[in-house]
Each structure stands twice: as C-alpha cells, then as structure tokens.
Protein backbone atom coordinates (compact mmCIF):
# COMPACT_ATOMS: atom_id res chain seq x y z
CA UNK A 1 8.62 13.47 -6.67
CA UNK A 2 6.65 12.26 -3.80
CA UNK A 3 6.42 8.97 -1.81
CA UNK A 4 3.04 8.33 -0.46
CA UNK A 5 1.96 5.69 2.16
CA UNK A 6 -1.64 4.56 2.47
CA UNK A 7 -3.55 1.77 4.12
CA UNK A 8 -7.11 0.62 3.82
CA UNK A 9 -9.35 2.93 5.88
CA UNK A 10 -11.42 1.43 8.74
CA UNK A 11 -15.05 2.19 9.57
CA UNK A 12 -17.22 1.13 12.47
CA UNK A 13 -20.81 -0.20 12.39
CA UNK A 14 -22.12 3.32 12.39
CA UNK A 15 -20.02 4.10 9.25
CA UNK A 16 -17.85 6.44 11.30
CA UNK A 17 -14.16 6.63 10.14
CA UNK A 18 -11.97 5.24 12.81
CA UNK A 19 -8.76 5.27 10.63
CA UNK A 20 -8.59 7.24 7.44
CA UNK A 21 -5.61 5.17 5.92
CA UNK A 22 -3.52 8.17 5.26
CA UNK A 23 -0.06 7.50 6.61
CA UNK A 24 1.74 10.37 4.91
CA UNK A 25 3.05 12.08 1.84
CA UNK A 26 6.77 12.69 1.73
CA UNK A 27 8.53 14.93 -0.88
CA UNK A 28 11.93 14.43 -2.12
CA UNK A 29 13.35 17.92 -1.31
CA UNK A 30 15.90 19.76 0.75
CA UNK A 31 16.65 23.26 2.06
CA UNK A 32 19.55 25.32 0.67
CA UNK A 33 20.60 28.90 1.23
CA UNK A 34 20.02 31.17 -1.76
CA UNK A 35 23.45 32.09 -3.27
CA UNK A 36 22.47 35.63 -4.46
CA UNK A 37 19.94 38.36 -3.98
CA UNK A 38 16.85 38.40 -6.24
CA UNK A 39 13.55 40.20 -6.31
CA UNK A 40 11.91 37.24 -4.58
CA UNK A 41 14.45 36.66 -1.77
CA UNK A 42 17.64 37.75 -0.08
CA UNK A 43 20.92 36.04 -0.15
CA UNK A 44 21.07 33.40 2.46
CA UNK A 45 17.37 32.83 2.64
CA UNK A 46 16.69 29.12 2.95
CA UNK A 47 15.04 27.81 -0.32
CA UNK A 48 13.24 24.60 -0.94
CA UNK A 49 15.12 22.65 -3.67
CA UNK A 50 13.96 19.44 -5.52
CA UNK A 51 16.14 16.29 -5.39
CA UNK A 52 16.95 15.96 -9.10
CA UNK A 53 17.99 12.29 -8.95
CA UNK A 54 16.37 9.93 -6.43
CA UNK A 55 18.82 6.94 -5.66
CA UNK A 56 18.52 3.95 -3.41
CA UNK A 57 20.15 6.05 -0.53
CA UNK A 58 17.36 8.57 -0.75
CA UNK A 59 14.56 5.91 -0.81
CA UNK A 60 16.17 3.93 1.98
CA UNK A 61 16.63 7.17 4.16
CA UNK A 62 12.82 8.06 3.59
CA UNK A 63 11.62 4.61 4.42
CA UNK A 64 13.58 4.30 7.70
CA UNK A 65 13.36 7.91 8.92
CA UNK A 66 10.16 9.12 7.61
CA UNK A 67 7.72 6.32 6.51
CA UNK A 68 8.32 3.78 9.39
CA UNK A 69 8.01 6.33 12.15
CA UNK A 70 4.77 7.73 10.39
CA UNK A 71 3.26 4.17 10.38
CA UNK A 72 4.17 3.56 14.07
CA UNK A 73 2.58 6.79 15.12
CA UNK A 74 -0.59 6.47 13.13
CA UNK A 75 -1.31 2.70 13.06
CA UNK A 76 -4.56 1.76 14.89
CA UNK A 77 -3.74 0.05 18.22
CA UNK A 78 -6.81 -2.15 17.69
CA UNK A 79 -5.19 -4.03 14.60
CA UNK A 80 -3.63 -6.72 16.83
CA UNK A 81 -0.10 -8.15 15.73
CA UNK A 82 1.84 -5.27 14.08
CA UNK A 83 3.44 -7.03 11.12
CA UNK A 84 3.27 -4.42 8.30
CA UNK A 85 3.84 -5.37 4.67
CA UNK A 86 5.00 -2.41 2.72
CA UNK A 87 4.37 -2.87 -1.11
CA UNK A 88 6.58 -1.00 -3.45
CA UNK A 89 6.64 -0.92 -7.23
CA UNK A 90 9.56 -2.32 -9.12
CA UNK A 91 11.58 0.92 -9.50
CA UNK A 92 15.32 0.31 -9.56
CA UNK A 93 15.86 2.94 -6.73
CA UNK A 94 13.76 0.89 -4.23
CA UNK A 95 15.61 -1.28 -1.69
CA UNK A 96 14.49 -4.83 -0.91
CA UNK A 97 13.96 -6.67 2.43
CA UNK A 98 17.42 -8.13 2.18
CA UNK A 99 19.07 -4.65 2.23
CA UNK A 100 21.73 -4.66 4.98
CA UNK A 101 20.78 -1.25 6.49
CA UNK A 102 17.08 -1.93 6.32
CA UNK A 103 17.63 -5.20 8.13
CA UNK A 104 18.94 -3.23 11.11
CA UNK A 105 15.68 -1.00 11.18
CA UNK A 106 12.89 -3.24 10.06
CA UNK A 107 12.00 -4.36 13.65
CA UNK A 108 11.05 -1.68 16.09
CA UNK A 109 9.23 -2.26 19.30
CA UNK A 110 6.14 -4.20 18.60
CA UNK A 111 6.37 -3.64 14.79
CA UNK A 112 7.89 -5.67 12.15
CA UNK A 113 8.14 -4.20 8.63
CA UNK A 114 8.40 -6.41 5.52
CA UNK A 115 9.10 -4.91 2.15
CA UNK A 116 7.48 -6.63 -0.78
CA UNK A 117 7.45 -5.71 -4.47
CA UNK A 118 4.48 -5.25 -6.65
CA UNK A 119 4.07 -8.15 -9.15
CA UNK A 120 5.91 -7.18 -12.41
CA UNK A 121 3.84 -6.02 -15.40
CA UNK A 122 0.79 -5.61 -13.16
CA UNK A 123 0.02 -1.87 -13.04
CA UNK A 124 -3.44 -2.40 -11.71
CA UNK A 125 -1.95 -3.75 -8.57
CA UNK A 126 -0.59 -0.42 -7.55
CA UNK A 127 -3.12 1.04 -5.16
CA UNK A 128 -1.83 4.59 -5.79
CA UNK A 129 -1.98 4.48 -9.61
CA UNK A 130 -5.30 2.77 -9.53
CA UNK A 131 -7.10 5.82 -8.51
CA UNK A 132 -5.60 7.55 -5.54
CA UNK A 133 -3.25 9.85 -7.40
CA UNK A 134 -5.93 10.89 -9.82
CA UNK A 135 -8.15 11.95 -6.99
CA UNK A 136 -5.59 14.09 -5.20
CA UNK A 137 -4.17 15.52 -8.53
CA UNK A 138 -7.69 16.79 -9.41
CA UNK A 139 -7.90 18.53 -6.05
CA UNK A 140 -4.30 19.88 -6.31
CA UNK A 141 -4.73 21.55 -9.67
CA UNK A 142 -7.55 23.72 -8.37
CA UNK A 143 -4.96 25.45 -6.07
CA UNK A 144 -2.64 26.67 -8.85
CA UNK A 145 0.76 26.51 -7.21
CA UNK A 146 3.26 28.98 -8.37
CA UNK A 147 6.51 27.59 -6.97
CA UNK A 148 8.03 24.56 -5.09
CA UNK A 149 6.72 25.57 -1.65
CA UNK A 150 3.25 26.36 -3.07
CA UNK A 151 3.17 23.03 -4.76
CA UNK A 152 4.10 21.15 -1.59
CA UNK A 153 1.42 22.99 0.26
CA UNK A 154 -1.18 22.30 -2.43
CA UNK A 155 -0.30 18.61 -2.64
CA UNK A 156 -0.41 18.22 1.15
CA UNK A 157 -3.70 19.99 1.25
CA UNK A 158 -5.21 17.83 -1.43
CA UNK A 159 -3.88 14.68 0.19
CA UNK A 160 -5.39 15.38 3.59
CA UNK A 161 -8.75 16.94 2.12
CA UNK A 162 -9.46 13.62 0.28
CA UNK A 163 -12.21 11.78 1.89
CA UNK A 164 -11.46 8.45 3.64
CA UNK A 165 -14.35 6.81 1.82
CA UNK A 166 -12.77 7.84 -1.55
CA UNK A 167 -9.56 6.05 -0.50
CA UNK A 168 -11.57 3.09 0.67
CA UNK A 169 -13.24 2.86 -2.76
CA UNK A 170 -9.83 2.67 -4.33
CA UNK A 171 -8.98 -0.26 -2.13
CA UNK A 172 -12.25 -1.95 -3.09
CA UNK A 173 -11.30 -1.57 -6.76
CA UNK A 174 -7.93 -3.20 -5.81
CA UNK A 175 -9.73 -6.24 -4.59
CA UNK A 176 -11.92 -6.43 -7.65
CA UNK A 177 -8.82 -6.38 -9.83
CA UNK A 178 -7.23 -9.17 -7.86
CA UNK A 179 -10.38 -11.26 -8.43
CA UNK A 180 -10.19 -10.63 -12.21
CA UNK A 181 -6.53 -11.68 -12.22
CA UNK A 182 -7.48 -14.89 -10.56
CA UNK A 183 -10.17 -15.49 -13.05
CA UNK A 184 -7.57 -14.80 -15.76
CA UNK A 185 -5.16 -17.35 -14.08
CA UNK A 186 -2.63 -14.58 -13.35
CA UNK A 187 -2.51 -12.94 -16.77
CA UNK A 188 -3.27 -9.37 -17.59
CA UNK A 189 -5.93 -10.50 -20.15
CA UNK A 190 -8.88 -8.95 -18.32
CA UNK A 191 -10.96 -5.74 -18.33
CA UNK A 192 -10.94 -3.34 -15.37
CA UNK A 193 -14.13 -4.09 -13.42
CA UNK A 194 -16.77 -1.39 -13.12
CA UNK A 195 -18.75 -1.51 -9.94
CA UNK A 196 -21.36 1.05 -8.81
CA UNK A 197 -19.91 1.46 -5.30
CA UNK A 198 -22.30 4.23 -4.45
CA UNK A 199 -25.28 2.13 -5.15
CA UNK A 200 -23.80 -0.84 -3.23
CA UNK A 201 -22.95 1.36 -0.38
CA UNK A 202 -26.42 2.80 -0.21
CA UNK A 203 -27.76 -0.74 -0.24
CA UNK A 204 -25.62 -1.58 2.83
CA UNK A 205 -23.58 -4.07 0.86
CA UNK A 206 -20.27 -2.25 1.39
CA UNK A 207 -18.72 -1.68 4.83
C-alpha cells in the first residue's frame, strides 16, 4: 500500500512547468533481517517487508514524519500564505484534525496543515482515483516487477515519469466534477463530464 501526495501543477505564461505538483509517494514498508539463508539472500540480509495491517499509528507517523516534511521542502515559495489543506478519504485508519498528536505537529514554521475529509459517498472527489492512479499504474505495469523492491522501484519511476500536464488534466477533471455536483445540488446524480482537454489546450483556453 502507498500513500500519494499531489497538488495542482503550476505553469507560467510560456507553458513552462514551475511546479509539477508531485509531493511524494510513500510505501508502507519496513526493513527486517532475513532469518535464514536462501538461494536469493544470506541470513541477516536486510529485506523489505510490507506492512500487512495499516493502522492509525502508521498513517499518523507517515503524515507527520514523511508527508509534512515533503510538502515543506517542495512547496513553491511564490504561493504566499502557507496554509495547506490535506484532503484524505474516509478510511477508518486516517486521523482527523482533532487528533492530539497531530495537533502538536500541524503548525511548523510558516506552514499550517489542516486535515479535511473527502465528502462521503463522493468517489469522484478523490483526485487520485479520478485518473492519477490509472496513469501511473499503466506505466508501472510495463516494468514487470518481480519482488517488493522491484515493485517499489517501478512505482516510484512511474510516479516521477508521469508528465505534469497529465496530472494537471486530472485536476481539471476534478474541477469539472465539482461543477456537475453543484448543478445536481450536491447529489451523485450526474454523468462524468468528458472534455477534450487537448483541443482546448491547443486553442489556448487552458492554462
């Protein structure tokens, strides 16, 4: 299992990417010494293991010790006030803003981090599920990973190879979805909008 953090990419007037929006991809893994010899490794060799059951403790630790530092390092300095809203889905393992340990860490330097939850029963309001995961999954499968370490390398390569414009298009789809939800007065009774982004971009109607 991975946690992915993305923001909307930024482009300047010359269509040059000034911020690719990719804040990081973080696996739930740990290192453990091999307990016996095998044809693949000697006893004592450090082996990557997958966290079988992710709990609130693991998600909290990842937020505070990996995701928040990554955002602080990569956030564009030109963005002004650094109040960052981190939207999560409604998995039971996610902490909320009122979590006592999180409250001790959510303000660091010029940054204030606020946890918000994805609206319930609104799968199209998850920027990752809306198209981002599909894009990196198609790139990852081309690499044919053979073990956990290969899979981690393949997923990381696919994540960083994905073009910023592709991620930007997913954020545009997200905005179109929100428009449809407003038209439907907050219900899920709408069709996913299909917009020819390449044509609009070629016409200079998308920035």
